[in-house]
Each structure stands twice: as structure tokens, then as C-alpha cells.
N, C-alpha and C. Protein backbone atom coordinates (compact mmCIF):
# COMPACT_ATOMS: atom_id res chain seq x y z
N UNK A 1 0.82 -1.19 0.00
CA UNK A 1 0.00 0.00 0.00
C UNK A 1 0.87 1.25 0.00
N UNK A 2 1.99 1.21 0.72
CA UNK A 2 2.90 2.36 0.73
C UNK A 2 3.46 2.58 -0.67
N UNK A 3 3.78 1.48 -1.36
CA UNK A 3 4.29 1.59 -2.72
C UNK A 3 3.24 2.24 -3.62
N UNK A 4 2.00 1.81 -3.48
CA UNK A 4 0.92 2.37 -4.28
C UNK A 4 0.77 3.88 -4.04
N UNK A 5 0.98 4.31 -2.79
CA UNK A 5 0.88 5.72 -2.45
C UNK A 5 2.18 6.48 -2.72
N UNK A 6 3.22 5.75 -3.09
CA UNK A 6 4.56 6.32 -3.30
C UNK A 6 5.09 7.00 -2.04
N UNK A 7 4.89 6.29 -0.92
CA UNK A 7 5.35 6.78 0.37
C UNK A 7 6.34 5.78 0.95
N UNK A 8 7.25 6.26 1.77
CA UNK A 8 8.16 5.35 2.45
C UNK A 8 7.41 4.66 3.58
N UNK A 9 7.93 3.51 3.97
CA UNK A 9 7.26 2.71 4.99
C UNK A 9 8.33 2.03 5.84
N UNK A 10 8.25 2.21 7.12
CA UNK A 10 9.23 1.63 8.04
C UNK A 10 8.85 0.20 8.38
N UNK A 11 9.85 -0.67 8.43
CA UNK A 11 9.63 -2.04 8.87
C UNK A 11 10.25 -2.27 10.24
N UNK A 12 10.44 -1.23 10.97
CA UNK A 12 11.13 -1.27 12.26
C UNK A 12 10.18 -1.15 13.44
N UNK A 13 8.99 -1.71 13.34
CA UNK A 13 8.03 -1.60 14.43
C UNK A 13 8.34 -2.61 15.53
N UNK A 14 8.06 -2.21 16.74
CA UNK A 14 8.35 -3.07 17.89
C UNK A 14 7.11 -3.78 18.41
N UNK A 15 5.96 -3.45 17.85
CA UNK A 15 4.75 -4.13 18.30
C UNK A 15 3.83 -4.40 17.11
N UNK A 16 3.07 -5.45 17.23
CA UNK A 16 2.08 -5.79 16.20
C UNK A 16 1.04 -4.68 16.12
N UNK A 17 0.65 -4.14 17.24
CA UNK A 17 -0.36 -3.07 17.27
C UNK A 17 0.07 -1.88 16.43
N UNK A 18 1.33 -1.49 16.52
CA UNK A 18 1.84 -0.35 15.74
C UNK A 18 1.82 -0.67 14.25
N UNK A 19 2.16 -1.91 13.89
CA UNK A 19 2.12 -2.32 12.49
C UNK A 19 0.68 -2.30 11.96
N UNK A 20 -0.23 -2.80 12.76
CA UNK A 20 -1.65 -2.79 12.37
C UNK A 20 -2.14 -1.35 12.21
N UNK A 21 -1.76 -0.47 13.13
CA UNK A 21 -2.16 0.94 13.02
C UNK A 21 -1.63 1.56 11.73
N UNK A 22 -0.39 1.26 11.39
CA UNK A 22 0.19 1.80 10.14
C UNK A 22 -0.53 1.24 8.93
N UNK A 23 -0.84 -0.05 8.95
CA UNK A 23 -1.61 -0.67 7.86
C UNK A 23 -2.94 0.05 7.70
N UNK A 24 -3.66 0.25 8.81
CA UNK A 24 -4.96 0.90 8.76
C UNK A 24 -4.86 2.34 8.25
N UNK A 25 -3.80 3.03 8.65
CA UNK A 25 -3.58 4.40 8.18
C UNK A 25 -3.38 4.41 6.66
N UNK A 26 -2.54 3.52 6.15
CA UNK A 26 -2.30 3.45 4.71
C UNK A 26 -3.59 3.06 3.97
N UNK A 27 -4.33 2.11 4.53
CA UNK A 27 -5.58 1.68 3.91
C UNK A 27 -6.56 2.83 3.79
N UNK A 28 -6.67 3.63 4.83
CA UNK A 28 -7.57 4.79 4.79
C UNK A 28 -7.12 5.82 3.77
N UNK A 29 -5.81 6.02 3.63
CA UNK A 29 -5.29 6.97 2.63
C UNK A 29 -5.61 6.49 1.23
N UNK A 30 -5.47 5.20 0.98
CA UNK A 30 -5.80 4.66 -0.34
C UNK A 30 -7.29 4.78 -0.58
N UNK A 31 -8.09 4.46 0.42
CA UNK A 31 -9.55 4.56 0.29
C UNK A 31 -9.96 5.97 -0.10
N UNK A 32 -9.31 6.97 0.48
CA UNK A 32 -9.62 8.37 0.17
C UNK A 32 -9.23 8.72 -1.27
N UNK A 33 -8.15 8.13 -1.77
CA UNK A 33 -7.67 8.47 -3.11
C UNK A 33 -8.38 7.71 -4.22
N UNK A 34 -8.87 6.51 -3.91
CA UNK A 34 -9.45 5.66 -4.96
C UNK A 34 -10.74 6.26 -5.50
N UNK A 35 -10.88 6.21 -6.79
CA UNK A 35 -12.11 6.67 -7.43
C UNK A 35 -13.02 5.46 -7.66
N UNK A 36 -14.32 5.72 -7.67
CA UNK A 36 -15.26 4.65 -7.97
C UNK A 36 -15.12 4.23 -9.43
N UNK A 37 -15.50 2.99 -9.71
CA UNK A 37 -15.57 2.51 -11.08
C UNK A 37 -14.25 2.05 -11.67
N UNK A 38 -13.24 1.82 -10.85
CA UNK A 38 -11.95 1.40 -11.39
C UNK A 38 -11.81 -0.11 -11.53
N UNK A 39 -12.84 -0.87 -11.22
CA UNK A 39 -12.78 -2.32 -11.35
C UNK A 39 -13.43 -2.71 -12.67
N UNK A 40 -12.68 -3.49 -13.45
CA UNK A 40 -13.21 -3.99 -14.72
C UNK A 40 -12.77 -5.44 -14.87
N UNK A 41 -13.73 -6.34 -14.75
CA UNK A 41 -13.46 -7.77 -14.90
C UNK A 41 -13.20 -8.05 -16.38
N UNK A 42 -12.07 -8.68 -16.71
CA UNK A 42 -11.81 -9.01 -18.12
C UNK A 42 -12.92 -9.89 -18.70
N UNK A 43 -13.26 -9.68 -19.97
CA UNK A 43 -14.32 -10.45 -20.62
C UNK A 43 -14.07 -11.95 -20.56
N UNK A 44 -12.83 -12.34 -20.75
CA UNK A 44 -12.50 -13.77 -20.74
C UNK A 44 -11.85 -14.17 -19.41
N UNK A 45 -12.34 -13.63 -18.33
CA UNK A 45 -11.77 -13.87 -17.00
C UNK A 45 -11.70 -15.36 -16.68
N UNK A 46 -10.59 -15.77 -16.10
CA UNK A 46 -10.43 -17.17 -15.71
C UNK A 46 -11.28 -17.51 -14.48
N UNK A 47 -11.98 -16.52 -13.93
CA UNK A 47 -12.81 -16.76 -12.75
C UNK A 47 -14.30 -16.89 -13.10
N UNK A 48 -14.65 -16.87 -14.38
CA UNK A 48 -16.06 -16.99 -14.77
C UNK A 48 -16.64 -18.34 -14.37
N UNK A 49 -15.85 -19.39 -14.50
CA UNK A 49 -16.34 -20.72 -14.12
C UNK A 49 -16.56 -20.82 -12.62
N UNK A 50 -15.79 -20.07 -11.84
CA UNK A 50 -15.95 -20.07 -10.39
C UNK A 50 -17.34 -19.59 -10.01
N UNK A 51 -17.83 -18.60 -10.71
CA UNK A 51 -19.15 -18.05 -10.42
C UNK A 51 -20.23 -19.13 -10.53
N UNK A 52 -20.05 -20.07 -11.45
CA UNK A 52 -21.02 -21.15 -11.64
C UNK A 52 -20.90 -22.23 -10.56
N UNK A 53 -19.73 -22.34 -9.94
CA UNK A 53 -19.52 -23.35 -8.90
C UNK A 53 -20.12 -22.93 -7.56
N UNK A 54 -20.16 -21.64 -7.30
CA UNK A 54 -20.61 -21.14 -6.00
C UNK A 54 -22.10 -20.82 -6.02
N UNK A 55 -22.83 -21.17 -4.96
CA UNK A 55 -24.27 -20.87 -4.94
C UNK A 55 -24.55 -19.37 -4.91
N UNK A 56 -25.38 -18.93 -5.82
CA UNK A 56 -25.68 -17.50 -5.95
C UNK A 56 -26.40 -16.92 -4.73
N UNK A 57 -27.13 -17.75 -4.01
CA UNK A 57 -27.91 -17.20 -2.90
C UNK A 57 -27.06 -16.68 -1.75
N UNK A 58 -25.81 -17.16 -1.61
CA UNK A 58 -25.00 -16.60 -0.53
C UNK A 58 -23.57 -16.21 -0.93
N UNK A 59 -23.27 -16.20 -2.23
CA UNK A 59 -21.97 -15.75 -2.72
C UNK A 59 -22.18 -14.67 -3.78
N UNK A 60 -21.53 -13.53 -3.60
CA UNK A 60 -21.62 -12.44 -4.57
C UNK A 60 -20.23 -12.12 -5.09
N UNK A 61 -20.06 -12.22 -6.41
CA UNK A 61 -18.80 -11.83 -7.05
C UNK A 61 -18.80 -10.32 -7.13
N UNK A 62 -17.82 -9.69 -6.55
CA UNK A 62 -17.73 -8.23 -6.55
C UNK A 62 -17.11 -7.78 -7.87
N UNK A 63 -17.89 -7.04 -8.66
CA UNK A 63 -17.49 -6.72 -10.03
C UNK A 63 -17.37 -5.23 -10.31
N UNK A 64 -17.53 -4.39 -9.31
CA UNK A 64 -17.43 -2.94 -9.56
C UNK A 64 -16.61 -2.27 -8.47
N UNK A 65 -16.07 -1.13 -8.82
CA UNK A 65 -15.31 -0.35 -7.86
C UNK A 65 -16.17 0.14 -6.71
N UNK A 66 -17.40 0.53 -7.02
CA UNK A 66 -18.31 1.00 -5.98
C UNK A 66 -18.58 -0.13 -4.98
N UNK A 67 -18.85 -1.31 -5.50
CA UNK A 67 -19.16 -2.45 -4.62
C UNK A 67 -17.92 -2.89 -3.84
N UNK A 68 -16.75 -2.83 -4.47
CA UNK A 68 -15.51 -3.20 -3.79
C UNK A 68 -15.23 -2.26 -2.62
N UNK A 69 -15.43 -0.98 -2.87
CA UNK A 69 -15.22 0.02 -1.79
C UNK A 69 -16.22 -0.19 -0.66
N UNK A 70 -17.47 -0.47 -1.03
CA UNK A 70 -18.51 -0.70 -0.02
C UNK A 70 -18.16 -1.92 0.83
N UNK A 71 -17.66 -2.97 0.20
CA UNK A 71 -17.26 -4.18 0.93
C UNK A 71 -16.16 -3.85 1.94
N UNK A 72 -15.18 -3.08 1.52
CA UNK A 72 -14.11 -2.68 2.42
C UNK A 72 -14.61 -1.87 3.60
N UNK A 73 -15.55 -0.98 3.34
CA UNK A 73 -16.10 -0.15 4.41
C UNK A 73 -16.95 -0.98 5.37
N UNK A 74 -17.80 -1.85 4.81
CA UNK A 74 -18.69 -2.65 5.66
C UNK A 74 -17.93 -3.69 6.47
N UNK A 75 -16.92 -4.28 5.88
CA UNK A 75 -16.15 -5.33 6.56
C UNK A 75 -14.94 -4.76 7.30
N UNK A 76 -14.69 -3.49 7.15
CA UNK A 76 -13.55 -2.81 7.77
C UNK A 76 -12.25 -3.54 7.43
N UNK A 77 -12.02 -3.68 6.12
CA UNK A 77 -10.77 -4.29 5.63
C UNK A 77 -10.25 -3.49 4.44
N UNK A 78 -9.14 -3.90 3.88
CA UNK A 78 -8.52 -3.14 2.78
C UNK A 78 -8.77 -3.76 1.42
N UNK A 79 -9.86 -4.49 1.25
CA UNK A 79 -10.14 -5.17 -0.01
C UNK A 79 -10.22 -4.19 -1.18
N UNK A 80 -10.59 -2.95 -0.92
CA UNK A 80 -10.70 -1.96 -2.01
C UNK A 80 -9.35 -1.74 -2.69
N UNK A 81 -8.25 -2.07 -2.03
CA UNK A 81 -6.93 -1.89 -2.62
C UNK A 81 -6.58 -3.01 -3.60
N UNK A 82 -7.47 -3.97 -3.81
CA UNK A 82 -7.23 -5.10 -4.70
C UNK A 82 -7.72 -4.86 -6.12
N UNK A 83 -8.19 -3.67 -6.41
CA UNK A 83 -8.75 -3.37 -7.74
C UNK A 83 -7.77 -3.71 -8.86
N UNK A 84 -6.51 -3.36 -8.70
CA UNK A 84 -5.52 -3.65 -9.73
C UNK A 84 -5.35 -5.14 -9.99
N UNK A 85 -5.37 -5.94 -8.94
CA UNK A 85 -5.27 -7.39 -9.08
C UNK A 85 -6.49 -7.96 -9.81
N UNK A 86 -7.66 -7.40 -9.49
CA UNK A 86 -8.89 -7.84 -10.15
C UNK A 86 -8.83 -7.49 -11.63
N UNK A 87 -8.42 -6.27 -11.94
CA UNK A 87 -8.36 -5.82 -13.34
C UNK A 87 -7.37 -6.63 -14.16
N UNK A 88 -6.31 -7.12 -13.53
CA UNK A 88 -5.31 -7.96 -14.22
C UNK A 88 -5.66 -9.44 -14.16
N UNK A 89 -6.86 -9.75 -13.66
CA UNK A 89 -7.37 -11.12 -13.57
C UNK A 89 -6.49 -12.01 -12.69
N UNK A 90 -5.89 -11.43 -11.67
CA UNK A 90 -5.04 -12.18 -10.74
C UNK A 90 -5.86 -12.80 -9.61
N UNK A 91 -7.06 -12.24 -9.34
CA UNK A 91 -7.90 -12.77 -8.27
C UNK A 91 -9.35 -12.40 -8.53
N UNK A 92 -10.23 -13.05 -7.78
CA UNK A 92 -11.65 -12.70 -7.76
C UNK A 92 -12.01 -12.49 -6.30
N UNK A 93 -12.79 -11.47 -6.04
CA UNK A 93 -13.21 -11.14 -4.68
C UNK A 93 -14.72 -11.42 -4.57
N UNK A 94 -15.07 -12.14 -3.51
CA UNK A 94 -16.46 -12.46 -3.24
C UNK A 94 -16.85 -12.00 -1.85
N UNK A 95 -18.11 -11.67 -1.71
CA UNK A 95 -18.71 -11.45 -0.41
C UNK A 95 -19.63 -12.66 -0.20
N UNK A 96 -19.55 -13.26 0.98
CA UNK A 96 -20.35 -14.46 1.23
C UNK A 96 -20.99 -14.42 2.60
N UNK A 97 -22.22 -14.88 2.65
CA UNK A 97 -22.93 -15.07 3.91
C UNK A 97 -23.03 -16.57 4.15
N UNK A 98 -22.36 -17.01 5.22
CA UNK A 98 -22.35 -18.43 5.56
C UNK A 98 -22.83 -18.55 7.00
N UNK A 99 -24.01 -19.09 7.15
CA UNK A 99 -24.61 -19.13 8.48
C UNK A 99 -24.83 -17.71 8.98
N UNK A 100 -24.34 -17.43 10.17
CA UNK A 100 -24.48 -16.09 10.75
C UNK A 100 -23.29 -15.19 10.45
N UNK A 101 -22.34 -15.69 9.66
CA UNK A 101 -21.11 -14.95 9.41
C UNK A 101 -21.05 -14.41 7.99
N UNK A 102 -20.48 -13.23 7.87
CA UNK A 102 -20.23 -12.62 6.56
C UNK A 102 -18.73 -12.61 6.33
N UNK A 103 -18.32 -12.98 5.11
CA UNK A 103 -16.92 -13.08 4.76
C UNK A 103 -16.59 -12.29 3.51
N UNK A 104 -15.36 -11.81 3.45
CA UNK A 104 -14.76 -11.33 2.21
C UNK A 104 -13.76 -12.42 1.82
N UNK A 105 -13.89 -12.93 0.59
CA UNK A 105 -13.05 -14.05 0.16
C UNK A 105 -12.30 -13.66 -1.10
N UNK A 106 -11.00 -13.93 -1.10
CA UNK A 106 -10.16 -13.73 -2.28
C UNK A 106 -9.82 -15.11 -2.84
N UNK A 107 -10.15 -15.31 -4.11
CA UNK A 107 -9.85 -16.57 -4.80
C UNK A 107 -8.72 -16.36 -5.80
N UNK A 108 -7.89 -17.37 -5.92
CA UNK A 108 -6.84 -17.43 -6.95
C UNK A 108 -7.03 -18.71 -7.73
N UNK A 109 -6.27 -18.83 -8.80
CA UNK A 109 -6.19 -20.08 -9.55
C UNK A 109 -4.75 -20.56 -9.44
N UNK A 110 -4.56 -21.81 -9.02
CA UNK A 110 -3.19 -22.31 -8.83
C UNK A 110 -2.61 -22.85 -10.13
N UNK A 111 -1.39 -23.39 -10.06
CA UNK A 111 -0.69 -23.88 -11.25
C UNK A 111 -1.42 -25.02 -11.92
N UNK A 112 -2.21 -25.76 -11.15
CA UNK A 112 -2.99 -26.88 -11.70
C UNK A 112 -4.35 -26.41 -12.21
N UNK A 113 -4.54 -25.10 -12.30
CA UNK A 113 -5.79 -24.48 -12.77
C UNK A 113 -6.98 -24.79 -11.87
N UNK A 114 -6.72 -24.97 -10.58
CA UNK A 114 -7.79 -25.17 -9.60
C UNK A 114 -8.02 -23.86 -8.86
N UNK A 115 -9.27 -23.62 -8.51
CA UNK A 115 -9.57 -22.45 -7.70
C UNK A 115 -9.20 -22.74 -6.25
N UNK A 116 -8.58 -21.75 -5.62
CA UNK A 116 -8.18 -21.89 -4.22
C UNK A 116 -8.55 -20.61 -3.46
N UNK A 117 -8.76 -20.79 -2.17
CA UNK A 117 -9.03 -19.65 -1.30
C UNK A 117 -7.69 -19.04 -0.92
N UNK A 118 -7.45 -17.81 -1.33
CA UNK A 118 -6.22 -17.11 -0.94
C UNK A 118 -6.39 -16.48 0.44
N UNK A 119 -7.56 -15.91 0.67
CA UNK A 119 -7.89 -15.30 1.96
C UNK A 119 -9.39 -15.43 2.18
N UNK A 120 -9.76 -15.62 3.43
CA UNK A 120 -11.18 -15.66 3.79
C UNK A 120 -11.27 -15.05 5.17
N UNK A 121 -11.86 -13.85 5.25
CA UNK A 121 -11.86 -13.10 6.50
C UNK A 121 -13.25 -12.61 6.86
N UNK A 122 -13.52 -12.61 8.16
CA UNK A 122 -14.73 -11.96 8.68
C UNK A 122 -14.42 -10.47 8.83
N UNK A 123 -15.36 -9.71 9.35
CA UNK A 123 -15.12 -8.27 9.51
C UNK A 123 -13.91 -8.02 10.40
N UNK A 124 -13.26 -6.90 10.18
CA UNK A 124 -12.06 -6.49 10.91
C UNK A 124 -10.91 -7.49 10.75
N UNK A 125 -10.89 -8.20 9.61
CA UNK A 125 -9.85 -9.19 9.29
C UNK A 125 -9.74 -10.32 10.32
N UNK A 126 -10.88 -10.66 10.93
CA UNK A 126 -10.87 -11.79 11.86
C UNK A 126 -10.85 -13.10 11.08
N UNK A 127 -10.25 -14.12 11.69
CA UNK A 127 -10.10 -15.42 11.05
C UNK A 127 -11.45 -16.04 10.72
N UNK A 128 -11.44 -16.84 9.65
CA UNK A 128 -12.63 -17.60 9.27
C UNK A 128 -12.72 -18.86 10.14
N UNK A 129 -13.92 -19.32 10.35
CA UNK A 129 -14.12 -20.57 11.06
C UNK A 129 -13.80 -21.73 10.12
N UNK A 130 -13.15 -22.76 10.65
CA UNK A 130 -12.72 -23.90 9.83
C UNK A 130 -13.91 -24.54 9.12
N UNK A 131 -15.03 -24.68 9.81
CA UNK A 131 -16.21 -25.29 9.17
C UNK A 131 -16.68 -24.47 7.97
N UNK A 132 -16.52 -23.15 8.03
CA UNK A 132 -16.93 -22.29 6.92
C UNK A 132 -15.93 -22.38 5.76
N UNK A 133 -14.65 -22.49 6.08
CA UNK A 133 -13.63 -22.68 5.04
C UNK A 133 -13.90 -24.00 4.32
N UNK A 134 -14.17 -25.04 5.08
CA UNK A 134 -14.47 -26.36 4.48
C UNK A 134 -15.71 -26.30 3.61
N UNK A 135 -16.70 -25.53 4.05
CA UNK A 135 -17.92 -25.36 3.26
C UNK A 135 -17.60 -24.75 1.90
N UNK A 136 -16.81 -23.68 1.88
CA UNK A 136 -16.44 -23.03 0.62
C UNK A 136 -15.60 -23.98 -0.23
N UNK A 137 -14.65 -24.67 0.38
CA UNK A 137 -13.79 -25.59 -0.37
C UNK A 137 -14.58 -26.73 -1.00
N UNK A 138 -15.70 -27.11 -0.39
CA UNK A 138 -16.50 -28.19 -0.94
C UNK A 138 -17.01 -27.87 -2.34
N UNK A 139 -17.19 -26.60 -2.65
CA UNK A 139 -17.65 -26.20 -3.98
C UNK A 139 -16.50 -26.17 -4.99
N UNK A 140 -15.27 -26.09 -4.51
CA UNK A 140 -14.10 -25.97 -5.38
C UNK A 140 -13.56 -27.32 -5.81
N UNK A 141 -13.95 -28.38 -5.11
CA UNK A 141 -13.42 -29.73 -5.41
C UNK A 141 -13.99 -30.30 -6.69
């Protein structure tokens, strides 16, 4: 994020809390600079088949800059900074409701052309429950 902002960034923190605070500060600066509508899914995206594997009733493929920013604000995470990766077809970002939990999920495609969960986080970047990860993985097999 510091690179994206063209700012220097210290790696000399003595506490995790200070590192998290710096991350959040950079994330907010990017959020302020980002314009809506910068997400464009390639027409021949390698993630189109993923959309068919996941149930539509509780998985939403985030396909716009407005929606990506809203997801970041609602989940209090930095997913809005992934627009460049989405535009280059490096990942797909989904919002999912699984049971009582809401997740932001980043999917990649591995060397064997299989879809994999790169990240799956609840609000405030809290860890996903194992049963929910297994639920999502069941659709990828």
C-alpha cells in the first residue's frame, strides 16, 4: 500500500499493534484516493467458471469499484486496494454469507488451474471458522 501511495514505509516496528495501526492508516489513505468505477473484470476472465460453482444465494462476485469500496467499508478491511489485481485477472473477490457470518473471500487459480481460497476473513480481518472454510472448499473440489 505504501508503494501504491509512493510513500516510504518503516519495517522497524516493535509491536504488532503499531504495524496494524500503520496498515490501517495506509488503507484509509488509499480509500480516500481511490475513485469509484476502477474495477473492470476481463471479458475472458479465468474466474467466470468459479461463479457457476458457488451458490448464488450466498456468494456475490464483486465486479465494480463501488461495490468493492462498499465491501471494504462494511467489513472494515482493505479489499478496495485489490482493484488492480482484479483488473489484471489475478484474483476474484467475493462477499459471502455463511450461516451467521459474513466473509470477504479472495480466490486465486493455482498452477494446476484449480480455484483456491487465498484469503477468507470476517469483519475487521478476523479469522474464518474452519467449518466455513471447508464449506467453501466443498464447492471448489
